Amino acid sequence: MNAQSSQETASRRRNRGRRCPIHRRGVVRCVLAALAALALHSGARAAVLLNGSGSTFAFPLYSKWVEAFHQREPDISVNYASIGSGAGVANVTAGTTDFGASDDPIPNKQLRGLTVPILHFPSAIGAVVVTFNVTHIDRLRLDPQTIADIFLGKITNWKDPAFRRNTTMPLPDAPITVVHRGDTSGTTYIFTDYLSK
C-alpha cells in the first residue's frame, strides 16, 4: 500500500457515517432545477402550480425541499401527495400529476406508449429492512436465503434449523407470522427484487 492510498483509507475511516453536504446539496440542486424546468415549461412566469404524488418514504424529504424551493421561487407552488408509489406512477402516467415518485421505474414498454415524456432520475436513497418481534432477542442477522425462505413460506417456525447458520441464540418454538405491505409500493418492489436474486 502506498502513502497516498493509506491516506485515502484513513480519510474514508474518519468520514465514515458522516453526511456529505456537497453531494446532498448537489442532489437537492438537481431536483430543484428539474422542478424549475417543469414549471418554466408549463407556461408563463405567473403563478405556477406543480402537482406530484407517490412515495410515502420520500415525503419528509420532499416536503422540506418543496418548502425551501417555494421560499426561493414564491411564484411556483408544488403540491406533493404522499399516496404510495403505485398510485404516484398511475397518476403521472395518466397525466393527472406533473411528476411522480417511486423506487420502481416505469418499464420502457410502458414509457413508449405514453403521450408525455417521463424522465427517471434518482432523488432519494434509503434502506429497506426486515423487522422482527421475538421475546428476549434484541438483534438477529439473517442471510438472504433465510429471509427469502421465510417470505416464501418455507420457514414457518423460529426453531427451524436454518436459523442455526444465522445465530447461536436459542429461538422459541413458535410460529413465524409474516406481515407485509399490501399496496403497490416502491419499497415492496425493492424488497421483492432483492429476494428474487
N, C-alpha and C. Protein backbone atom coordinates (compact mmCIF):
# COMPACT_ATOMS: atom_id res chain seq x y z
N MET A 1 0.86 -1.18 0.00
CA MET A 1 0.00 0.00 0.00
C MET A 1 0.90 1.23 0.00
N ASN A 2 0.66 2.15 -0.93
CA ASN A 2 1.48 3.34 -0.98
C ASN A 2 0.93 4.40 -0.02
N ALA A 3 1.70 5.47 0.17
CA ALA A 3 1.33 6.50 1.14
C ALA A 3 0.01 7.17 0.78
N GLN A 4 -0.22 7.41 -0.53
CA GLN A 4 -1.45 8.09 -0.94
C GLN A 4 -2.67 7.22 -0.65
N SER A 5 -2.60 5.93 -0.98
CA SER A 5 -3.77 5.08 -0.74
C SER A 5 -4.01 4.88 0.75
N SER A 6 -2.95 4.86 1.59
CA SER A 6 -3.19 4.73 3.03
C SER A 6 -3.80 6.01 3.58
N GLN A 7 -3.45 7.18 3.02
CA GLN A 7 -4.08 8.43 3.44
C GLN A 7 -5.56 8.43 3.04
N GLU A 8 -5.87 7.94 1.82
CA GLU A 8 -7.27 7.88 1.38
C GLU A 8 -8.06 6.94 2.27
N THR A 9 -7.47 5.80 2.64
CA THR A 9 -8.16 4.84 3.52
C THR A 9 -8.42 5.47 4.88
N ALA A 10 -7.42 6.15 5.44
CA ALA A 10 -7.60 6.81 6.74
C ALA A 10 -8.68 7.89 6.64
N SER A 11 -8.70 8.64 5.54
CA SER A 11 -9.71 9.67 5.35
C SER A 11 -11.10 9.07 5.29
N ARG A 12 -11.25 7.93 4.56
CA ARG A 12 -12.55 7.26 4.48
C ARG A 12 -13.01 6.81 5.86
N ARG A 13 -12.07 6.25 6.67
CA ARG A 13 -12.44 5.80 8.02
C ARG A 13 -12.92 6.97 8.88
N ARG A 14 -12.21 8.10 8.80
CA ARG A 14 -12.60 9.27 9.59
C ARG A 14 -13.98 9.79 9.18
N ASN A 15 -14.29 9.71 7.88
CA ASN A 15 -15.53 10.27 7.37
C ASN A 15 -16.68 9.28 7.33
N ARG A 16 -16.44 8.04 7.71
CA ARG A 16 -17.50 7.02 7.68
C ARG A 16 -18.65 7.47 8.58
N GLY A 17 -19.85 7.39 8.05
CA GLY A 17 -21.04 7.77 8.82
C GLY A 17 -21.36 9.24 8.76
N ARG A 18 -20.44 10.06 8.29
CA ARG A 18 -20.73 11.49 8.17
C ARG A 18 -21.50 11.73 6.88
N ARG A 19 -22.36 12.71 6.91
CA ARG A 19 -23.08 13.09 5.70
C ARG A 19 -22.18 13.92 4.82
N CYS A 20 -22.35 13.77 3.56
CA CYS A 20 -21.56 14.54 2.60
C CYS A 20 -22.40 15.72 2.13
N PRO A 21 -22.20 16.92 2.71
CA PRO A 21 -23.05 18.06 2.36
C PRO A 21 -22.91 18.47 0.90
N ILE A 22 -21.76 18.28 0.30
CA ILE A 22 -21.59 18.65 -1.10
C ILE A 22 -22.48 17.79 -1.97
N HIS A 23 -22.45 16.47 -1.73
CA HIS A 23 -23.27 15.56 -2.53
C HIS A 23 -24.76 15.82 -2.29
N ARG A 24 -25.16 15.98 -1.04
CA ARG A 24 -26.56 16.22 -0.71
C ARG A 24 -27.04 17.51 -1.36
N ARG A 25 -26.25 18.56 -1.29
CA ARG A 25 -26.63 19.82 -1.93
C ARG A 25 -26.74 19.66 -3.43
N GLY A 26 -25.84 18.87 -4.01
CA GLY A 26 -25.88 18.65 -5.45
C GLY A 26 -27.16 17.96 -5.88
N VAL A 27 -27.60 16.96 -5.11
CA VAL A 27 -28.84 16.26 -5.42
C VAL A 27 -30.02 17.22 -5.28
N VAL A 28 -30.04 17.99 -4.20
CA VAL A 28 -31.13 18.95 -3.99
C VAL A 28 -31.17 19.95 -5.13
N ARG A 29 -30.02 20.46 -5.54
CA ARG A 29 -29.98 21.41 -6.65
C ARG A 29 -30.53 20.79 -7.93
N CYS A 30 -30.16 19.55 -8.19
CA CYS A 30 -30.64 18.87 -9.40
C CYS A 30 -32.16 18.72 -9.38
N VAL A 31 -32.70 18.31 -8.24
CA VAL A 31 -34.15 18.13 -8.13
C VAL A 31 -34.86 19.47 -8.27
N LEU A 32 -34.35 20.49 -7.59
CA LEU A 32 -34.97 21.81 -7.69
C LEU A 32 -34.87 22.37 -9.11
N ALA A 33 -33.75 22.13 -9.77
CA ALA A 33 -33.61 22.58 -11.15
C ALA A 33 -34.61 21.87 -12.05
N ALA A 34 -34.82 20.58 -11.81
CA ALA A 34 -35.79 19.83 -12.61
C ALA A 34 -37.20 20.37 -12.38
N LEU A 35 -37.52 20.68 -11.12
CA LEU A 35 -38.84 21.27 -10.83
C LEU A 35 -38.99 22.64 -11.49
N ALA A 36 -37.94 23.43 -11.44
CA ALA A 36 -37.99 24.74 -12.08
C ALA A 36 -38.17 24.60 -13.59
N ALA A 37 -37.47 23.65 -14.18
CA ALA A 37 -37.61 23.43 -15.63
C ALA A 37 -39.03 23.02 -15.97
N LEU A 38 -39.61 22.16 -15.13
CA LEU A 38 -41.00 21.77 -15.34
C LEU A 38 -41.92 22.99 -15.26
N ALA A 39 -41.66 23.81 -14.27
CA ALA A 39 -42.50 24.99 -14.07
C ALA A 39 -42.38 25.95 -15.24
N LEU A 40 -41.16 26.19 -15.69
CA LEU A 40 -40.96 27.11 -16.81
C LEU A 40 -41.54 26.54 -18.09
N HIS A 41 -41.45 25.22 -18.24
CA HIS A 41 -42.01 24.57 -19.42
C HIS A 41 -43.54 24.62 -19.39
N SER A 42 -44.10 24.71 -18.19
CA SER A 42 -45.55 24.70 -18.04
C SER A 42 -46.21 26.00 -18.50
N GLY A 43 -45.45 27.05 -18.67
CA GLY A 43 -46.08 28.28 -19.14
C GLY A 43 -45.37 29.52 -18.64
N ALA A 44 -46.12 30.59 -18.56
CA ALA A 44 -45.59 31.90 -18.19
C ALA A 44 -45.07 31.89 -16.76
N ARG A 45 -44.41 32.96 -16.41
CA ARG A 45 -43.76 33.08 -15.11
C ARG A 45 -44.76 33.43 -14.01
N ALA A 46 -46.01 33.68 -14.37
CA ALA A 46 -47.03 33.97 -13.36
C ALA A 46 -47.17 32.74 -12.47
N ALA A 47 -48.02 32.81 -11.48
CA ALA A 47 -48.16 31.73 -10.51
C ALA A 47 -48.28 30.38 -11.22
N VAL A 48 -47.40 29.46 -10.85
CA VAL A 48 -47.36 28.13 -11.44
C VAL A 48 -47.59 27.11 -10.32
N LEU A 49 -48.38 26.11 -10.63
CA LEU A 49 -48.65 25.04 -9.66
C LEU A 49 -48.21 23.72 -10.27
N LEU A 50 -47.34 23.03 -9.56
CA LEU A 50 -46.90 21.69 -9.95
C LEU A 50 -47.49 20.69 -8.97
N ASN A 51 -48.09 19.63 -9.49
CA ASN A 51 -48.66 18.60 -8.64
C ASN A 51 -47.89 17.29 -8.83
N GLY A 52 -47.57 16.66 -7.72
CA GLY A 52 -46.88 15.38 -7.77
C GLY A 52 -47.47 14.45 -6.74
N SER A 53 -47.18 13.16 -6.91
CA SER A 53 -47.67 12.18 -5.94
C SER A 53 -46.79 10.94 -6.00
N GLY A 54 -46.90 10.13 -4.96
CA GLY A 54 -46.17 8.87 -4.96
C GLY A 54 -45.60 8.50 -3.62
N SER A 55 -44.33 8.18 -3.61
CA SER A 55 -43.61 7.58 -2.50
C SER A 55 -43.93 8.20 -1.14
N THR A 56 -44.33 7.35 -0.20
CA THR A 56 -44.51 7.81 1.18
C THR A 56 -43.16 7.92 1.88
N PHE A 57 -42.22 7.05 1.48
CA PHE A 57 -40.89 7.07 2.09
C PHE A 57 -40.20 8.42 1.88
N ALA A 58 -40.31 8.96 0.67
CA ALA A 58 -39.60 10.20 0.33
C ALA A 58 -40.32 11.46 0.79
N PHE A 59 -41.56 11.33 1.26
CA PHE A 59 -42.35 12.51 1.60
C PHE A 59 -41.66 13.48 2.56
N PRO A 60 -41.07 13.03 3.68
CA PRO A 60 -40.43 14.02 4.58
C PRO A 60 -39.34 14.83 3.89
N LEU A 61 -38.56 14.19 3.05
CA LEU A 61 -37.52 14.88 2.31
C LEU A 61 -38.12 15.86 1.31
N TYR A 62 -39.10 15.39 0.53
CA TYR A 62 -39.73 16.24 -0.47
C TYR A 62 -40.40 17.46 0.16
N SER A 63 -41.03 17.26 1.31
CA SER A 63 -41.72 18.40 1.93
C SER A 63 -40.72 19.49 2.33
N LYS A 64 -39.54 19.10 2.78
CA LYS A 64 -38.51 20.10 3.10
C LYS A 64 -38.01 20.79 1.83
N TRP A 65 -37.81 20.01 0.77
CA TRP A 65 -37.36 20.59 -0.49
C TRP A 65 -38.40 21.54 -1.06
N VAL A 66 -39.66 21.15 -1.00
CA VAL A 66 -40.74 22.00 -1.52
C VAL A 66 -40.79 23.32 -0.77
N GLU A 67 -40.66 23.26 0.55
CA GLU A 67 -40.69 24.48 1.37
C GLU A 67 -39.52 25.40 1.00
N ALA A 68 -38.33 24.84 0.89
CA ALA A 68 -37.15 25.65 0.53
C ALA A 68 -37.28 26.21 -0.88
N PHE A 69 -37.78 25.40 -1.79
CA PHE A 69 -37.95 25.84 -3.17
C PHE A 69 -38.96 26.98 -3.26
N HIS A 70 -40.07 26.86 -2.52
CA HIS A 70 -41.10 27.90 -2.57
C HIS A 70 -40.59 29.22 -1.98
N GLN A 71 -39.72 29.15 -0.98
CA GLN A 71 -39.13 30.38 -0.44
C GLN A 71 -38.26 31.06 -1.49
N ARG A 72 -37.58 30.26 -2.27
CA ARG A 72 -36.70 30.80 -3.31
C ARG A 72 -37.48 31.24 -4.54
N GLU A 73 -38.54 30.51 -4.87
CA GLU A 73 -39.36 30.78 -6.06
C GLU A 73 -40.82 30.90 -5.63
N PRO A 74 -41.21 32.05 -5.05
CA PRO A 74 -42.57 32.18 -4.49
C PRO A 74 -43.70 32.09 -5.52
N ASP A 75 -43.39 32.28 -6.81
CA ASP A 75 -44.42 32.18 -7.84
C ASP A 75 -44.70 30.73 -8.26
N ILE A 76 -43.91 29.83 -7.72
CA ILE A 76 -44.08 28.41 -8.07
C ILE A 76 -44.48 27.63 -6.83
N SER A 77 -45.63 27.02 -6.89
CA SER A 77 -46.10 26.18 -5.77
C SER A 77 -46.02 24.72 -6.20
N VAL A 78 -45.61 23.89 -5.26
CA VAL A 78 -45.51 22.45 -5.51
C VAL A 78 -46.34 21.73 -4.47
N ASN A 79 -47.30 20.94 -4.94
CA ASN A 79 -48.09 20.08 -4.05
C ASN A 79 -47.63 18.65 -4.26
N TYR A 80 -47.37 17.95 -3.17
CA TYR A 80 -46.97 16.55 -3.27
C TYR A 80 -47.87 15.72 -2.37
N ALA A 81 -48.55 14.75 -2.96
CA ALA A 81 -49.43 13.85 -2.20
C ALA A 81 -48.69 12.54 -1.94
N SER A 82 -48.49 12.23 -0.70
CA SER A 82 -47.80 11.02 -0.27
C SER A 82 -48.81 9.87 -0.25
N ILE A 83 -49.06 9.26 -1.41
CA ILE A 83 -50.14 8.26 -1.53
C ILE A 83 -49.64 6.87 -1.90
N GLY A 84 -48.34 6.70 -1.98
CA GLY A 84 -47.76 5.40 -2.35
C GLY A 84 -47.24 5.42 -3.78
N SER A 85 -46.18 4.67 -3.98
CA SER A 85 -45.51 4.66 -5.28
C SER A 85 -46.40 4.22 -6.43
N GLY A 86 -47.17 3.16 -6.21
CA GLY A 86 -48.02 2.64 -7.28
C GLY A 86 -49.02 3.68 -7.76
N ALA A 87 -49.65 4.36 -6.80
CA ALA A 87 -50.62 5.41 -7.15
C ALA A 87 -49.92 6.60 -7.81
N GLY A 88 -48.70 6.92 -7.36
CA GLY A 88 -47.95 8.01 -7.98
C GLY A 88 -47.62 7.73 -9.43
N VAL A 89 -47.19 6.50 -9.71
CA VAL A 89 -46.90 6.11 -11.09
C VAL A 89 -48.17 6.16 -11.93
N ALA A 90 -49.28 5.66 -11.36
CA ALA A 90 -50.55 5.69 -12.09
C ALA A 90 -50.95 7.12 -12.42
N ASN A 91 -50.78 8.03 -11.46
CA ASN A 91 -51.16 9.43 -11.69
C ASN A 91 -50.31 10.10 -12.77
N VAL A 92 -48.99 9.91 -12.69
CA VAL A 92 -48.13 10.60 -13.66
C VAL A 92 -48.30 10.01 -15.05
N THR A 93 -48.50 8.70 -15.16
CA THR A 93 -48.68 8.12 -16.49
C THR A 93 -50.05 8.46 -17.07
N ALA A 94 -51.03 8.72 -16.20
CA ALA A 94 -52.35 9.14 -16.68
C ALA A 94 -52.38 10.63 -16.99
N GLY A 95 -51.33 11.35 -16.58
CA GLY A 95 -51.27 12.79 -16.84
C GLY A 95 -52.03 13.62 -15.84
N THR A 96 -52.42 13.03 -14.70
CA THR A 96 -53.15 13.80 -13.69
C THR A 96 -52.22 14.53 -12.74
N THR A 97 -50.93 14.20 -12.76
CA THR A 97 -49.93 14.95 -11.99
C THR A 97 -48.76 15.27 -12.91
N ASP A 98 -47.95 16.23 -12.48
CA ASP A 98 -46.79 16.65 -13.25
C ASP A 98 -45.58 15.76 -13.01
N PHE A 99 -45.51 15.15 -11.82
CA PHE A 99 -44.40 14.25 -11.52
C PHE A 99 -44.86 13.21 -10.51
N GLY A 100 -44.15 12.09 -10.52
CA GLY A 100 -44.45 11.00 -9.59
C GLY A 100 -43.15 10.54 -8.95
N ALA A 101 -43.27 9.83 -7.85
CA ALA A 101 -42.08 9.34 -7.15
C ALA A 101 -42.27 7.88 -6.81
N SER A 102 -41.28 7.07 -7.20
CA SER A 102 -41.32 5.65 -6.91
C SER A 102 -39.92 5.07 -7.02
N ASP A 103 -39.68 3.99 -6.27
CA ASP A 103 -38.42 3.25 -6.41
C ASP A 103 -38.51 2.26 -7.56
N ASP A 104 -39.70 2.06 -8.07
CA ASP A 104 -39.94 1.09 -9.14
C ASP A 104 -40.02 1.85 -10.46
N PRO A 105 -38.99 1.77 -11.29
CA PRO A 105 -39.02 2.53 -12.55
C PRO A 105 -40.11 2.02 -13.50
N ILE A 106 -40.63 2.93 -14.28
CA ILE A 106 -41.65 2.57 -15.27
C ILE A 106 -40.94 1.81 -16.39
N PRO A 107 -41.44 0.62 -16.75
CA PRO A 107 -40.78 -0.17 -17.81
C PRO A 107 -40.77 0.57 -19.15
N ASN A 108 -39.71 0.36 -19.92
CA ASN A 108 -39.57 1.02 -21.23
C ASN A 108 -40.78 0.80 -22.13
N LYS A 109 -41.34 -0.39 -22.11
CA LYS A 109 -42.50 -0.69 -22.95
C LYS A 109 -43.66 0.24 -22.60
N GLN A 110 -43.88 0.47 -21.32
CA GLN A 110 -44.95 1.36 -20.88
C GLN A 110 -44.61 2.81 -21.22
N LEU A 111 -43.34 3.19 -21.07
CA LEU A 111 -42.92 4.56 -21.39
C LEU A 111 -43.18 4.89 -22.85
N ARG A 112 -42.92 3.93 -23.74
CA ARG A 112 -43.11 4.18 -25.18
C ARG A 112 -44.56 4.45 -25.53
N GLY A 113 -45.48 3.95 -24.73
CA GLY A 113 -46.89 4.14 -25.02
C GLY A 113 -47.48 5.44 -24.46
N LEU A 114 -46.67 6.22 -23.75
CA LEU A 114 -47.18 7.45 -23.13
C LEU A 114 -47.12 8.63 -24.10
N THR A 115 -48.06 9.55 -23.96
CA THR A 115 -48.07 10.74 -24.82
C THR A 115 -47.16 11.85 -24.28
N VAL A 116 -46.82 11.77 -23.00
CA VAL A 116 -45.96 12.77 -22.37
C VAL A 116 -44.65 12.08 -21.99
N PRO A 117 -43.50 12.69 -22.30
CA PRO A 117 -42.24 12.04 -21.93
C PRO A 117 -42.05 12.00 -20.40
N ILE A 118 -41.56 10.90 -19.92
CA ILE A 118 -41.27 10.72 -18.49
C ILE A 118 -39.77 10.58 -18.34
N LEU A 119 -39.19 11.34 -17.43
CA LEU A 119 -37.76 11.25 -17.15
C LEU A 119 -37.57 10.57 -15.80
N HIS A 120 -36.70 9.59 -15.74
CA HIS A 120 -36.35 8.94 -14.49
C HIS A 120 -35.06 9.56 -13.96
N PHE A 121 -35.03 9.94 -12.69
CA PHE A 121 -33.78 10.35 -12.07
C PHE A 121 -33.88 10.09 -10.57
N PRO A 122 -32.77 9.71 -9.95
CA PRO A 122 -32.80 9.42 -8.51
C PRO A 122 -32.92 10.71 -7.69
N SER A 123 -33.72 10.65 -6.65
CA SER A 123 -33.88 11.84 -5.80
C SER A 123 -33.66 11.53 -4.32
N ALA A 124 -33.78 10.27 -3.93
CA ALA A 124 -33.61 9.92 -2.52
C ALA A 124 -33.08 8.49 -2.44
N ILE A 125 -32.46 8.19 -1.33
CA ILE A 125 -31.96 6.84 -1.11
C ILE A 125 -32.27 6.44 0.33
N GLY A 126 -32.60 5.20 0.51
CA GLY A 126 -32.91 4.74 1.85
C GLY A 126 -32.73 3.24 1.94
N ALA A 127 -32.94 2.72 3.11
CA ALA A 127 -32.75 1.28 3.35
C ALA A 127 -34.09 0.61 3.59
N VAL A 128 -34.17 -0.64 3.17
CA VAL A 128 -35.32 -1.48 3.46
C VAL A 128 -34.82 -2.57 4.40
N VAL A 129 -35.48 -2.74 5.52
CA VAL A 129 -35.04 -3.74 6.50
C VAL A 129 -36.20 -4.64 6.90
N VAL A 130 -35.85 -5.82 7.36
CA VAL A 130 -36.82 -6.75 7.91
C VAL A 130 -36.79 -6.56 9.43
N THR A 131 -37.94 -6.40 10.03
CA THR A 131 -38.01 -6.29 11.48
C THR A 131 -38.63 -7.56 12.05
N PHE A 132 -38.44 -7.77 13.34
CA PHE A 132 -38.97 -8.96 13.98
C PHE A 132 -39.34 -8.63 15.42
N ASN A 133 -40.13 -9.49 16.01
CA ASN A 133 -40.54 -9.33 17.40
C ASN A 133 -40.51 -10.70 18.07
N VAL A 134 -39.36 -11.02 18.65
CA VAL A 134 -39.19 -12.29 19.35
C VAL A 134 -38.74 -11.97 20.77
N THR A 135 -39.44 -12.48 21.74
CA THR A 135 -39.13 -12.22 23.15
C THR A 135 -37.68 -12.58 23.46
N HIS A 136 -36.99 -11.69 24.15
CA HIS A 136 -35.61 -11.87 24.63
C HIS A 136 -34.56 -11.84 23.51
N ILE A 137 -34.94 -11.51 22.29
CA ILE A 137 -33.96 -11.41 21.20
C ILE A 137 -33.94 -9.95 20.75
N ASP A 138 -32.78 -9.32 20.95
CA ASP A 138 -32.65 -7.91 20.59
C ASP A 138 -32.09 -7.71 19.18
N ARG A 139 -31.28 -8.66 18.75
CA ARG A 139 -30.61 -8.49 17.46
C ARG A 139 -30.54 -9.84 16.76
N LEU A 140 -30.83 -9.83 15.48
CA LEU A 140 -30.81 -11.05 14.70
C LEU A 140 -30.41 -10.69 13.27
N ARG A 141 -29.32 -11.26 12.79
CA ARG A 141 -28.88 -11.03 11.41
C ARG A 141 -29.21 -12.28 10.62
N LEU A 142 -29.97 -12.11 9.56
CA LEU A 142 -30.38 -13.23 8.73
C LEU A 142 -29.74 -13.15 7.36
N ASP A 143 -29.32 -14.30 6.84
CA ASP A 143 -28.76 -14.32 5.50
C ASP A 143 -29.90 -14.21 4.48
N PRO A 144 -29.60 -13.81 3.25
CA PRO A 144 -30.65 -13.61 2.24
C PRO A 144 -31.51 -14.86 1.99
N GLN A 145 -30.90 -16.04 1.99
CA GLN A 145 -31.66 -17.26 1.74
C GLN A 145 -32.71 -17.50 2.82
N THR A 146 -32.34 -17.28 4.09
CA THR A 146 -33.29 -17.47 5.19
C THR A 146 -34.44 -16.47 5.07
N ILE A 147 -34.12 -15.22 4.75
CA ILE A 147 -35.18 -14.21 4.59
C ILE A 147 -36.12 -14.61 3.47
N ALA A 148 -35.55 -15.01 2.33
CA ALA A 148 -36.39 -15.43 1.20
C ALA A 148 -37.26 -16.62 1.59
N ASP A 149 -36.69 -17.60 2.29
CA ASP A 149 -37.47 -18.78 2.67
C ASP A 149 -38.59 -18.46 3.65
N ILE A 150 -38.37 -17.48 4.51
CA ILE A 150 -39.46 -17.06 5.42
C ILE A 150 -40.61 -16.47 4.60
N PHE A 151 -40.28 -15.57 3.67
CA PHE A 151 -41.33 -14.91 2.89
C PHE A 151 -41.95 -15.83 1.84
N LEU A 152 -41.26 -16.91 1.48
CA LEU A 152 -41.83 -17.90 0.57
C LEU A 152 -42.67 -18.94 1.32
N GLY A 153 -42.64 -18.89 2.65
CA GLY A 153 -43.41 -19.84 3.45
C GLY A 153 -42.70 -21.17 3.65
N LYS A 154 -41.42 -21.25 3.31
CA LYS A 154 -40.65 -22.48 3.52
C LYS A 154 -40.20 -22.61 4.97
N ILE A 155 -39.96 -21.50 5.63
CA ILE A 155 -39.60 -21.48 7.05
C ILE A 155 -40.78 -20.85 7.78
N THR A 156 -41.38 -21.61 8.68
CA THR A 156 -42.60 -21.14 9.35
C THR A 156 -42.49 -21.12 10.87
N ASN A 157 -41.35 -21.58 11.42
CA ASN A 157 -41.18 -21.64 12.87
C ASN A 157 -39.80 -21.14 13.24
N TRP A 158 -39.72 -20.44 14.38
CA TRP A 158 -38.45 -19.89 14.82
C TRP A 158 -37.43 -20.97 15.18
N LYS A 159 -37.86 -22.19 15.39
CA LYS A 159 -36.95 -23.30 15.71
C LYS A 159 -36.39 -23.97 14.45
N ASP A 160 -36.73 -23.49 13.29
CA ASP A 160 -36.26 -24.11 12.04
C ASP A 160 -34.72 -24.19 12.05
N PRO A 161 -34.16 -25.31 11.61
CA PRO A 161 -32.69 -25.47 11.59
C PRO A 161 -31.97 -24.40 10.76
N ALA A 162 -32.65 -23.79 9.83
CA ALA A 162 -32.00 -22.75 9.01
C ALA A 162 -31.47 -21.59 9.86
N PHE A 163 -32.08 -21.36 11.01
CA PHE A 163 -31.62 -20.25 11.86
C PHE A 163 -30.25 -20.53 12.47
N ARG A 164 -29.84 -21.79 12.52
CA ARG A 164 -28.53 -22.14 13.11
C ARG A 164 -27.38 -21.51 12.33
N ARG A 165 -27.56 -21.28 11.04
CA ARG A 165 -26.48 -20.65 10.27
C ARG A 165 -26.48 -19.13 10.46
N ASN A 166 -27.45 -18.60 11.22
CA ASN A 166 -27.55 -17.16 11.44
C ASN A 166 -27.28 -16.74 12.89
N THR A 167 -27.53 -17.64 13.83
CA THR A 167 -27.38 -17.25 15.23
C THR A 167 -27.16 -18.48 16.11
N THR A 168 -26.50 -18.24 17.23
CA THR A 168 -26.35 -19.31 18.23
C THR A 168 -27.34 -19.10 19.37
N MET A 169 -28.06 -18.00 19.35
CA MET A 169 -29.05 -17.72 20.41
C MET A 169 -30.21 -18.70 20.30
N PRO A 170 -30.72 -19.13 21.44
CA PRO A 170 -31.88 -20.02 21.38
C PRO A 170 -33.14 -19.25 20.95
N LEU A 171 -33.81 -19.77 19.95
CA LEU A 171 -35.04 -19.16 19.46
C LEU A 171 -36.22 -20.00 19.93
N PRO A 172 -37.37 -19.38 20.14
CA PRO A 172 -38.53 -20.11 20.67
C PRO A 172 -39.14 -21.06 19.65
N ASP A 173 -39.83 -22.07 20.15
CA ASP A 173 -40.61 -22.96 19.30
C ASP A 173 -41.96 -22.29 19.10
N ALA A 174 -41.99 -21.38 18.14
CA ALA A 174 -43.20 -20.57 17.92
C ALA A 174 -43.34 -20.29 16.44
N PRO A 175 -44.57 -20.15 15.97
CA PRO A 175 -44.77 -19.87 14.55
C PRO A 175 -44.28 -18.46 14.18
N ILE A 176 -43.85 -18.33 12.95
CA ILE A 176 -43.47 -17.02 12.41
C ILE A 176 -44.70 -16.46 11.71
N THR A 177 -45.07 -15.26 12.08
CA THR A 177 -46.17 -14.57 11.41
C THR A 177 -45.57 -13.50 10.51
N VAL A 178 -45.72 -13.68 9.22
CA VAL A 178 -45.16 -12.72 8.26
C VAL A 178 -46.19 -11.63 8.01
N VAL A 179 -45.74 -10.39 8.12
CA VAL A 179 -46.59 -9.23 7.84
C VAL A 179 -45.91 -8.43 6.75
N HIS A 180 -46.67 -8.01 5.75
CA HIS A 180 -46.09 -7.22 4.67
C HIS A 180 -47.11 -6.21 4.18
N ARG A 181 -46.60 -5.25 3.46
CA ARG A 181 -47.42 -4.19 2.89
C ARG A 181 -48.25 -4.76 1.74
N GLY A 182 -49.50 -4.32 1.61
CA GLY A 182 -50.38 -4.90 0.61
C GLY A 182 -50.56 -4.09 -0.66
N ASP A 183 -50.24 -2.79 -0.63
CA ASP A 183 -50.46 -1.97 -1.83
C ASP A 183 -49.21 -1.99 -2.72
N THR A 184 -49.35 -1.42 -3.90
CA THR A 184 -48.17 -1.32 -4.77
C THR A 184 -47.26 -0.25 -4.20
N SER A 185 -46.02 -0.60 -4.01
CA SER A 185 -45.11 0.29 -3.31
C SER A 185 -43.71 0.12 -3.85
N GLY A 186 -42.97 1.20 -3.89
CA GLY A 186 -41.58 1.14 -4.30
C GLY A 186 -40.76 0.31 -3.33
N THR A 187 -41.08 0.41 -2.05
CA THR A 187 -40.38 -0.38 -1.04
C THR A 187 -40.61 -1.86 -1.27
N THR A 188 -41.85 -2.23 -1.59
CA THR A 188 -42.14 -3.63 -1.89
C THR A 188 -41.36 -4.08 -3.12
N TYR A 189 -41.28 -3.23 -4.12
CA TYR A 189 -40.51 -3.55 -5.32
C TYR A 189 -39.05 -3.81 -4.97
N ILE A 190 -38.44 -2.92 -4.19
CA ILE A 190 -37.03 -3.08 -3.81
C ILE A 190 -36.83 -4.39 -3.06
N PHE A 191 -37.72 -4.68 -2.10
CA PHE A 191 -37.58 -5.87 -1.28
C PHE A 191 -37.76 -7.15 -2.09
N THR A 192 -38.80 -7.19 -2.92
CA THR A 192 -39.02 -8.40 -3.72
C THR A 192 -37.93 -8.57 -4.78
N ASP A 193 -37.42 -7.47 -5.31
CA ASP A 193 -36.31 -7.56 -6.25
C ASP A 193 -35.08 -8.17 -5.55
N TYR A 194 -34.81 -7.73 -4.33
CA TYR A 194 -33.71 -8.30 -3.54
C TYR A 194 -33.92 -9.79 -3.30
N LEU A 195 -35.12 -10.17 -2.91
CA LEU A 195 -35.41 -11.58 -2.62
C LEU A 195 -35.30 -12.45 -3.86
N SER A 196 -35.56 -11.89 -5.02
CA SER A 196 -35.54 -12.69 -6.25
C SER A 196 -34.13 -13.05 -6.71
N LYS A 197 -33.12 -12.43 -6.10
CA LYS A 197 -31.75 -12.66 -6.54
C LYS A 197 -31.13 -13.67 -5.66
